[in-house]
Amino acid sequence: MRRTLLALCPAIILTATSAFAGEADVTAVAVRDAAGTYTFSVTVRHDDKGWEHFADNWEVVAMDGTVIATRTLFHPHVNEQPFTRSLGGVRVPAGTKEVRIRAHDKVHGNGGQELIVNMETDETRTVQEGQS
């Protein structure tokens, strides 16, 4: 019995520490217009724990929930927090006034702080996932 519990301890500790990383938060967005397409530079904060639990993408999302573009993050940023990554060539549908920028992590999925960007003024406002 004691050996079984000792064998389980590393798994329990790993699970517990991964859960403490929390959700990924979008903390800043810069948008640049270039001849009908946009470049989004997005800053994400997440307490990456390693390959099992890290922020693995961020998305540009229409207000109706349609994903316009996804920037995949291929590795953890354990020692680089917060971090900024860009995605160019994004086509935002004509007439779109606002988009949501949300981040995703491997454990919690979408969640945390999101930013809504006004495409005309570049102003942002902060919301939690699921709010408007």
N, C-alpha and C. Protein backbone atom coordinates (compact mmCIF):
# COMPACT_ATOMS: atom_id res chain seq x y z
N MET A 1 0.83 -1.20 0.00
CA MET A 1 0.00 0.00 0.00
C MET A 1 0.87 1.26 0.00
N ARG A 2 1.91 1.27 0.85
CA ARG A 2 2.78 2.42 0.93
C ARG A 2 3.48 2.66 -0.41
N ARG A 3 3.93 1.60 -1.08
CA ARG A 3 4.60 1.75 -2.37
C ARG A 3 3.63 2.31 -3.42
N THR A 4 2.38 1.89 -3.37
CA THR A 4 1.39 2.40 -4.31
C THR A 4 1.20 3.90 -4.12
N LEU A 5 1.08 4.34 -2.87
CA LEU A 5 0.92 5.77 -2.60
C LEU A 5 2.15 6.55 -3.02
N LEU A 6 3.33 6.03 -2.73
CA LEU A 6 4.55 6.71 -3.13
C LEU A 6 4.66 6.78 -4.64
N ALA A 7 4.23 5.75 -5.33
CA ALA A 7 4.28 5.75 -6.79
C ALA A 7 3.32 6.79 -7.37
N LEU A 8 2.22 7.04 -6.69
CA LEU A 8 1.24 8.01 -7.17
C LEU A 8 1.63 9.45 -6.86
N CYS A 9 2.48 9.67 -5.89
CA CYS A 9 2.83 11.04 -5.47
C CYS A 9 3.33 11.92 -6.61
N PRO A 10 4.26 11.48 -7.45
CA PRO A 10 4.69 12.36 -8.54
C PRO A 10 3.55 12.75 -9.47
N ALA A 11 2.64 11.84 -9.76
CA ALA A 11 1.51 12.16 -10.64
C ALA A 11 0.58 13.16 -9.98
N ILE A 12 0.36 13.00 -8.70
CA ILE A 12 -0.51 13.94 -7.98
C ILE A 12 0.12 15.32 -7.94
N ILE A 13 1.42 15.39 -7.66
CA ILE A 13 2.11 16.68 -7.61
C ILE A 13 2.10 17.34 -8.98
N LEU A 14 2.38 16.60 -10.04
CA LEU A 14 2.38 17.15 -11.38
C LEU A 14 1.00 17.70 -11.75
N THR A 15 -0.05 16.95 -11.44
CA THR A 15 -1.40 17.40 -11.73
C THR A 15 -1.73 18.66 -10.94
N ALA A 16 -1.37 18.69 -9.68
CA ALA A 16 -1.66 19.85 -8.84
C ALA A 16 -0.92 21.09 -9.34
N THR A 17 0.36 20.97 -9.70
CA THR A 17 1.09 22.14 -10.15
C THR A 17 0.60 22.60 -11.51
N SER A 18 0.19 21.70 -12.38
CA SER A 18 -0.35 22.10 -13.68
C SER A 18 -1.64 22.88 -13.52
N ALA A 19 -2.47 22.48 -12.59
CA ALA A 19 -3.75 23.15 -12.39
C ALA A 19 -3.56 24.57 -11.89
N PHE A 20 -2.48 24.86 -11.18
CA PHE A 20 -2.27 26.19 -10.62
C PHE A 20 -1.84 27.22 -11.65
N ALA A 21 -1.53 26.80 -12.86
CA ALA A 21 -1.09 27.75 -13.88
C ALA A 21 -2.22 28.69 -14.29
N GLY A 22 -3.46 28.32 -14.10
CA GLY A 22 -4.58 29.19 -14.43
C GLY A 22 -4.80 29.32 -15.92
N GLU A 23 -5.72 30.20 -16.27
CA GLU A 23 -6.09 30.41 -17.65
C GLU A 23 -5.16 31.43 -18.31
N ALA A 24 -5.13 31.43 -19.62
CA ALA A 24 -4.31 32.37 -20.37
C ALA A 24 -5.06 33.69 -20.53
N ASP A 25 -4.35 34.79 -20.26
CA ASP A 25 -4.93 36.12 -20.36
C ASP A 25 -4.31 36.90 -21.51
N VAL A 26 -5.14 37.59 -22.29
CA VAL A 26 -4.67 38.54 -23.29
C VAL A 26 -4.55 39.87 -22.57
N THR A 27 -3.35 40.45 -22.59
CA THR A 27 -3.13 41.69 -21.85
C THR A 27 -2.96 42.92 -22.74
N ALA A 28 -2.66 42.72 -24.03
CA ALA A 28 -2.50 43.86 -24.94
C ALA A 28 -2.67 43.38 -26.38
N VAL A 29 -3.14 44.30 -27.24
CA VAL A 29 -3.29 44.02 -28.67
C VAL A 29 -2.93 45.28 -29.44
N ALA A 30 -2.14 45.11 -30.49
CA ALA A 30 -1.88 46.19 -31.43
C ALA A 30 -2.32 45.68 -32.81
N VAL A 31 -3.02 46.53 -33.56
CA VAL A 31 -3.52 46.15 -34.88
C VAL A 31 -2.97 47.12 -35.91
N ARG A 32 -2.46 46.55 -37.01
CA ARG A 32 -1.95 47.37 -38.11
C ARG A 32 -2.66 46.96 -39.39
N ASP A 33 -3.19 47.95 -40.10
CA ASP A 33 -3.88 47.72 -41.37
C ASP A 33 -2.86 47.85 -42.50
N ALA A 34 -2.89 46.88 -43.43
CA ALA A 34 -1.97 46.91 -44.56
C ALA A 34 -2.69 46.43 -45.81
N ALA A 35 -3.24 47.37 -46.57
CA ALA A 35 -3.86 47.07 -47.86
C ALA A 35 -4.91 45.97 -47.79
N GLY A 36 -5.85 46.12 -46.86
CA GLY A 36 -6.98 45.19 -46.80
C GLY A 36 -6.78 43.99 -45.89
N THR A 37 -5.59 43.78 -45.39
CA THR A 37 -5.37 42.74 -44.39
C THR A 37 -4.79 43.40 -43.14
N TYR A 38 -4.82 42.68 -42.06
CA TYR A 38 -4.37 43.22 -40.79
C TYR A 38 -3.28 42.35 -40.19
N THR A 39 -2.43 43.00 -39.40
CA THR A 39 -1.47 42.30 -38.57
C THR A 39 -1.87 42.56 -37.12
N PHE A 40 -2.05 41.48 -36.37
CA PHE A 40 -2.37 41.56 -34.95
C PHE A 40 -1.14 41.16 -34.16
N SER A 41 -0.72 42.01 -33.23
CA SER A 41 0.35 41.69 -32.28
C SER A 41 -0.32 41.58 -30.92
N VAL A 42 -0.26 40.37 -30.35
CA VAL A 42 -1.03 40.05 -29.14
C VAL A 42 -0.08 39.66 -28.02
N THR A 43 -0.30 40.25 -26.85
CA THR A 43 0.47 39.91 -25.66
C THR A 43 -0.36 39.00 -24.78
N VAL A 44 0.23 37.86 -24.41
CA VAL A 44 -0.44 36.84 -23.59
C VAL A 44 0.35 36.64 -22.31
N ARG A 45 -0.38 36.48 -21.22
CA ARG A 45 0.24 36.14 -19.93
C ARG A 45 -0.37 34.82 -19.46
N HIS A 46 0.52 33.86 -19.16
CA HIS A 46 0.08 32.56 -18.65
C HIS A 46 1.25 31.95 -17.90
N ASP A 47 0.98 31.36 -16.79
CA ASP A 47 2.03 30.75 -15.98
C ASP A 47 2.36 29.37 -16.56
N ASP A 48 3.01 29.39 -17.75
CA ASP A 48 3.35 28.12 -18.41
C ASP A 48 4.16 27.24 -17.47
N LYS A 49 3.81 25.96 -17.44
CA LYS A 49 4.48 25.00 -16.56
C LYS A 49 5.36 24.02 -17.32
N GLY A 50 5.32 24.05 -18.63
CA GLY A 50 6.07 23.09 -19.44
C GLY A 50 5.18 22.59 -20.56
N TRP A 51 5.60 21.50 -21.19
CA TRP A 51 4.91 20.98 -22.36
C TRP A 51 3.49 20.51 -22.08
N GLU A 52 3.18 20.12 -20.86
CA GLU A 52 1.83 19.63 -20.54
C GLU A 52 0.83 20.76 -20.31
N HIS A 53 1.33 21.96 -19.94
CA HIS A 53 0.42 23.06 -19.61
C HIS A 53 1.06 24.38 -20.02
N PHE A 54 0.67 24.85 -21.23
CA PHE A 54 1.15 26.15 -21.70
C PHE A 54 0.11 26.78 -22.62
N ALA A 55 0.22 28.09 -22.79
CA ALA A 55 -0.66 28.79 -23.72
C ALA A 55 -0.26 28.36 -25.13
N ASP A 56 -1.19 27.72 -25.85
CA ASP A 56 -0.83 27.13 -27.14
C ASP A 56 -1.43 27.84 -28.36
N ASN A 57 -2.28 28.86 -28.15
CA ASN A 57 -2.71 29.68 -29.28
C ASN A 57 -3.46 30.91 -28.79
N TRP A 58 -3.65 31.84 -29.70
CA TRP A 58 -4.59 32.94 -29.50
C TRP A 58 -5.37 33.11 -30.79
N GLU A 59 -6.57 33.69 -30.66
CA GLU A 59 -7.48 33.78 -31.81
C GLU A 59 -8.06 35.17 -31.95
N VAL A 60 -8.34 35.53 -33.20
CA VAL A 60 -9.14 36.70 -33.54
C VAL A 60 -10.53 36.15 -33.83
N VAL A 61 -11.54 36.64 -33.09
CA VAL A 61 -12.88 36.08 -33.16
C VAL A 61 -13.89 37.19 -33.44
N ALA A 62 -14.79 36.95 -34.39
CA ALA A 62 -15.89 37.89 -34.66
C ALA A 62 -16.82 37.90 -33.46
N MET A 63 -17.58 38.96 -33.32
CA MET A 63 -18.47 39.09 -32.17
C MET A 63 -19.57 38.03 -32.16
N ASP A 64 -19.82 37.38 -33.30
CA ASP A 64 -20.80 36.30 -33.34
C ASP A 64 -20.19 34.94 -32.99
N GLY A 65 -18.88 34.93 -32.68
CA GLY A 65 -18.21 33.69 -32.29
C GLY A 65 -17.42 33.00 -33.39
N THR A 66 -17.50 33.51 -34.61
CA THR A 66 -16.76 32.93 -35.73
C THR A 66 -15.27 33.21 -35.57
N VAL A 67 -14.45 32.17 -35.64
CA VAL A 67 -13.00 32.35 -35.55
C VAL A 67 -12.50 32.86 -36.90
N ILE A 68 -11.88 34.03 -36.89
CA ILE A 68 -11.36 34.66 -38.10
C ILE A 68 -9.93 34.18 -38.37
N ALA A 69 -9.12 34.07 -37.32
CA ALA A 69 -7.73 33.66 -37.49
C ALA A 69 -7.20 33.08 -36.18
N THR A 70 -6.22 32.18 -36.30
CA THR A 70 -5.60 31.56 -35.13
C THR A 70 -4.09 31.65 -35.27
N ARG A 71 -3.43 32.07 -34.20
CA ARG A 71 -1.96 32.07 -34.14
C ARG A 71 -1.56 30.94 -33.20
N THR A 72 -0.99 29.89 -33.75
CA THR A 72 -0.56 28.75 -32.94
C THR A 72 0.76 29.09 -32.26
N LEU A 73 0.87 28.70 -30.99
CA LEU A 73 2.09 28.86 -30.20
C LEU A 73 2.64 27.46 -30.00
N PHE A 74 3.80 27.19 -30.52
CA PHE A 74 4.30 25.82 -30.63
C PHE A 74 5.08 25.31 -29.42
N HIS A 75 5.37 26.18 -28.46
CA HIS A 75 6.17 25.74 -27.31
C HIS A 75 5.83 26.58 -26.09
N PRO A 76 6.17 26.09 -24.89
CA PRO A 76 5.93 26.86 -23.67
C PRO A 76 6.85 28.08 -23.60
N HIS A 77 6.38 29.09 -22.89
CA HIS A 77 7.15 30.32 -22.66
C HIS A 77 7.35 30.47 -21.15
N VAL A 78 7.96 29.47 -20.55
CA VAL A 78 8.12 29.42 -19.10
C VAL A 78 8.88 30.63 -18.58
N ASN A 79 9.95 31.02 -19.25
CA ASN A 79 10.80 32.12 -18.77
C ASN A 79 10.60 33.41 -19.55
N GLU A 80 9.51 33.51 -20.29
CA GLU A 80 9.21 34.72 -21.07
C GLU A 80 7.75 35.09 -20.84
N GLN A 81 7.49 35.83 -19.80
CA GLN A 81 6.12 36.21 -19.46
C GLN A 81 6.05 37.69 -19.11
N PRO A 82 5.07 38.40 -19.61
CA PRO A 82 4.20 37.98 -20.71
C PRO A 82 5.00 37.97 -22.01
N PHE A 83 4.42 37.45 -23.07
CA PHE A 83 5.10 37.39 -24.36
C PHE A 83 4.16 37.90 -25.44
N THR A 84 4.74 38.42 -26.52
CA THR A 84 3.97 38.98 -27.63
C THR A 84 4.33 38.25 -28.92
N ARG A 85 3.31 37.84 -29.66
CA ARG A 85 3.50 37.22 -30.96
C ARG A 85 2.52 37.85 -31.95
N SER A 86 2.94 37.91 -33.21
CA SER A 86 2.14 38.57 -34.25
C SER A 86 1.63 37.58 -35.27
N LEU A 87 0.57 37.98 -35.96
CA LEU A 87 0.00 37.22 -37.07
C LEU A 87 -0.43 38.22 -38.12
N GLY A 88 0.13 38.10 -39.31
CA GLY A 88 -0.20 39.01 -40.40
C GLY A 88 -1.08 38.35 -41.44
N GLY A 89 -1.55 39.17 -42.38
CA GLY A 89 -2.37 38.66 -43.48
C GLY A 89 -3.77 38.26 -43.07
N VAL A 90 -4.25 38.80 -41.95
CA VAL A 90 -5.58 38.44 -41.45
C VAL A 90 -6.63 39.26 -42.20
N ARG A 91 -7.58 38.55 -42.80
CA ARG A 91 -8.69 39.20 -43.49
C ARG A 91 -9.90 39.26 -42.56
N VAL A 92 -10.23 40.48 -42.16
CA VAL A 92 -11.39 40.71 -41.31
C VAL A 92 -12.55 41.07 -42.24
N PRO A 93 -13.70 40.40 -42.08
CA PRO A 93 -14.83 40.67 -42.97
C PRO A 93 -15.20 42.16 -43.00
N ALA A 94 -15.54 42.65 -44.19
CA ALA A 94 -15.94 44.05 -44.37
C ALA A 94 -17.08 44.38 -43.42
N GLY A 95 -17.05 45.57 -42.88
CA GLY A 95 -18.11 46.03 -41.98
C GLY A 95 -17.94 45.60 -40.53
N THR A 96 -16.91 44.82 -40.24
CA THR A 96 -16.66 44.37 -38.87
C THR A 96 -16.19 45.56 -38.04
N LYS A 97 -16.92 45.85 -36.97
CA LYS A 97 -16.57 46.99 -36.12
C LYS A 97 -15.69 46.58 -34.95
N GLU A 98 -15.91 45.36 -34.43
CA GLU A 98 -15.14 44.89 -33.29
C GLU A 98 -14.79 43.42 -33.46
N VAL A 99 -13.65 43.03 -32.88
CA VAL A 99 -13.27 41.62 -32.80
C VAL A 99 -12.79 41.34 -31.38
N ARG A 100 -12.90 40.08 -30.98
CA ARG A 100 -12.39 39.61 -29.68
C ARG A 100 -11.05 38.94 -29.91
N ILE A 101 -10.15 39.14 -28.97
CA ILE A 101 -8.88 38.42 -28.99
C ILE A 101 -8.87 37.57 -27.72
N ARG A 102 -8.76 36.25 -27.90
CA ARG A 102 -8.76 35.34 -26.76
C ARG A 102 -7.59 34.38 -26.86
N ALA A 103 -7.13 33.94 -25.69
CA ALA A 103 -6.01 32.99 -25.64
C ALA A 103 -6.52 31.64 -25.14
N HIS A 104 -5.76 30.61 -25.45
CA HIS A 104 -6.12 29.23 -25.14
C HIS A 104 -4.92 28.56 -24.50
N ASP A 105 -5.16 27.73 -23.49
CA ASP A 105 -4.07 26.90 -22.96
C ASP A 105 -4.47 25.44 -23.00
N LYS A 106 -3.46 24.56 -22.93
CA LYS A 106 -3.66 23.13 -23.13
C LYS A 106 -4.52 22.46 -22.06
N VAL A 107 -4.62 23.06 -20.87
CA VAL A 107 -5.39 22.45 -19.78
C VAL A 107 -6.78 23.05 -19.68
N HIS A 108 -6.89 24.37 -19.69
CA HIS A 108 -8.17 25.03 -19.45
C HIS A 108 -8.94 25.38 -20.72
N GLY A 109 -8.29 25.32 -21.88
CA GLY A 109 -8.96 25.74 -23.11
C GLY A 109 -9.05 27.25 -23.17
N ASN A 110 -10.11 27.76 -23.80
CA ASN A 110 -10.32 29.21 -23.85
C ASN A 110 -10.77 29.68 -22.49
N GLY A 111 -10.37 30.86 -22.14
CA GLY A 111 -10.76 31.41 -20.85
C GLY A 111 -9.85 32.54 -20.47
N GLY A 112 -10.05 33.05 -19.29
CA GLY A 112 -9.22 34.16 -18.85
C GLY A 112 -9.66 35.46 -19.47
N GLN A 113 -8.80 36.45 -19.34
CA GLN A 113 -9.09 37.79 -19.83
C GLN A 113 -8.99 37.84 -21.34
N GLU A 114 -9.97 38.48 -21.97
CA GLU A 114 -9.97 38.72 -23.40
C GLU A 114 -10.01 40.22 -23.64
N LEU A 115 -9.61 40.62 -24.83
CA LEU A 115 -9.73 42.03 -25.21
C LEU A 115 -10.63 42.13 -26.44
N ILE A 116 -11.48 43.13 -26.44
CA ILE A 116 -12.28 43.46 -27.61
C ILE A 116 -11.65 44.68 -28.24
N VAL A 117 -11.39 44.60 -29.55
CA VAL A 117 -10.71 45.67 -30.28
C VAL A 117 -11.71 46.34 -31.21
N ASN A 118 -11.80 47.67 -31.13
CA ASN A 118 -12.58 48.45 -32.07
C ASN A 118 -11.71 48.61 -33.32
N MET A 119 -12.15 48.08 -34.45
CA MET A 119 -11.34 48.07 -35.67
C MET A 119 -11.19 49.46 -36.28
N GLU A 120 -12.05 50.40 -35.91
CA GLU A 120 -11.95 51.76 -36.45
C GLU A 120 -11.03 52.64 -35.62
N THR A 121 -11.05 52.48 -34.30
CA THR A 121 -10.29 53.37 -33.42
C THR A 121 -9.08 52.70 -32.77
N ASP A 122 -8.97 51.37 -32.88
CA ASP A 122 -7.92 50.56 -32.23
C ASP A 122 -8.03 50.56 -30.70
N GLU A 123 -9.10 51.11 -30.17
CA GLU A 123 -9.30 51.08 -28.71
C GLU A 123 -9.68 49.67 -28.29
N THR A 124 -9.27 49.30 -27.08
CA THR A 124 -9.60 47.96 -26.56
C THR A 124 -10.35 48.10 -25.24
N ARG A 125 -11.12 47.07 -24.94
CA ARG A 125 -11.75 46.95 -23.63
C ARG A 125 -11.58 45.52 -23.16
N THR A 126 -11.48 45.37 -21.86
CA THR A 126 -11.22 44.08 -21.25
C THR A 126 -12.51 43.40 -20.88
N VAL A 127 -12.60 42.08 -21.15
CA VAL A 127 -13.74 41.26 -20.74
C VAL A 127 -13.21 39.90 -20.31
N GLN A 128 -14.00 39.18 -19.56
CA GLN A 128 -13.71 37.79 -19.26
C GLN A 128 -14.38 36.95 -20.31
N GLU A 129 -13.88 35.76 -20.57
CA GLU A 129 -14.42 34.86 -21.57
C GLU A 129 -15.93 34.71 -21.35
N GLY A 130 -16.69 34.87 -22.45
CA GLY A 130 -18.13 34.70 -22.39
C GLY A 130 -18.90 35.99 -22.16
N GLN A 131 -18.21 37.07 -21.76
CA GLN A 131 -18.89 38.36 -21.56
C GLN A 131 -18.83 39.17 -22.84
N SER A 132 -19.62 40.25 -22.90
CA SER A 132 -19.58 41.14 -24.08
C SER A 132 -19.07 42.51 -23.70
